[in-house]
């Protein structure tokens, strides 16, 4: 399964003081019942292929990170049936 999202160019830091704008994205699986996030991978592109997705319904969110390692809030969830 391949996830695709729109590039983000604004700073990830909540205070707006990041050093270099968005440099990458962290991909997480989100648990259906608890909402807990499980880290899947980091990428500098706007796509990620998850070859380890479990059969059934998978929910994902993405967080941006900047050059100072600040993380954004999570994106809206995307759900896919495998």
Protein backbone atom coordinates (compact mmCIF):
# COMPACT_ATOMS: atom_id res chain seq x y z
CA UNK A 1 0.00 0.00 0.00
CA UNK A 2 1.31 3.47 -0.86
CA UNK A 3 0.48 6.65 1.05
CA UNK A 4 0.76 10.03 -0.68
CA UNK A 5 0.33 13.52 0.79
CA UNK A 6 0.81 17.15 -0.16
CA UNK A 7 4.20 18.71 0.58
CA UNK A 8 4.37 21.03 3.58
CA UNK A 9 6.80 23.94 3.50
CA UNK A 10 6.03 25.89 6.68
CA UNK A 11 8.05 25.37 9.84
CA UNK A 12 7.14 22.41 12.07
CA UNK A 13 7.95 24.10 15.36
CA UNK A 14 5.00 25.17 17.45
CA UNK A 15 6.74 28.42 18.28
CA UNK A 16 7.67 29.20 14.69
CA UNK A 17 11.38 29.26 15.51
CA UNK A 18 12.60 26.23 13.59
CA UNK A 19 15.90 26.46 11.77
CA UNK A 20 15.17 25.32 8.25
CA UNK A 21 11.52 24.63 7.55
CA UNK A 22 10.19 21.14 6.90
CA UNK A 23 12.89 18.62 6.05
CA UNK A 24 10.92 15.39 6.34
CA UNK A 25 7.90 13.40 7.44
CA UNK A 26 7.31 10.72 10.08
CA UNK A 27 4.67 8.11 9.23
CA UNK A 28 2.68 6.44 12.03
CA UNK A 29 -0.02 3.77 12.27
CA UNK A 30 -2.86 4.80 14.54
CA UNK A 31 -4.61 2.21 16.73
CA UNK A 32 -8.35 2.10 16.10
CA UNK A 33 -9.46 1.71 19.71
CA UNK A 34 -6.85 3.62 21.73
CA UNK A 35 -5.62 6.12 19.16
CA UNK A 36 -2.03 5.24 20.12
CA UNK A 37 0.59 5.97 17.44
CA UNK A 38 3.17 3.43 16.32
CA UNK A 39 6.13 4.83 14.40
CA UNK A 40 6.51 3.26 10.94
CA UNK A 41 9.18 5.26 9.08
CA UNK A 42 10.64 8.65 8.19
CA UNK A 43 10.95 9.99 4.66
CA UNK A 44 11.96 13.19 2.91
CA UNK A 45 9.49 12.60 0.08
CA UNK A 46 5.71 12.85 -0.07
CA UNK A 47 5.02 9.14 -0.50
CA UNK A 48 5.62 6.04 1.57
CA UNK A 49 4.99 2.39 0.62
CA UNK A 50 4.06 0.18 3.57
CA UNK A 51 4.82 -3.41 2.64
CA UNK A 52 4.23 -4.51 6.26
CA UNK A 53 0.63 -3.31 6.51
CA UNK A 54 -1.58 -5.83 8.28
CA UNK A 55 -4.58 -7.36 6.53
CA UNK A 56 -7.69 -5.39 7.31
CA UNK A 57 -8.17 -1.72 8.07
CA UNK A 58 -5.01 0.37 8.61
CA UNK A 59 -5.08 3.99 9.75
CA UNK A 60 -2.11 6.33 9.26
CA UNK A 61 -1.10 9.85 10.24
CA UNK A 62 1.94 11.90 9.24
CA UNK A 63 3.94 14.46 11.25
CA UNK A 64 6.41 16.89 9.71
CA UNK A 65 9.80 17.61 11.23
CA UNK A 66 12.20 20.50 10.71
CA UNK A 67 15.98 20.92 10.89
CA UNK A 68 15.80 21.34 14.67
CA UNK A 69 13.87 18.03 15.03
CA UNK A 70 10.61 19.78 16.01
CA UNK A 71 7.55 17.63 15.21
CA UNK A 72 4.20 18.99 14.06
CA UNK A 73 0.82 17.87 15.28
CA UNK A 74 -0.47 14.80 13.45
CA UNK A 75 -2.20 15.11 10.11
CA UNK A 76 -5.81 14.08 9.62
CA UNK A 77 -6.01 10.28 9.57
CA UNK A 78 -6.00 8.31 6.32
CA UNK A 79 -7.50 4.83 6.33
CA UNK A 80 -6.87 1.99 3.87
CA UNK A 81 -8.18 -1.55 3.61
CA UNK A 82 -5.53 -4.15 2.80
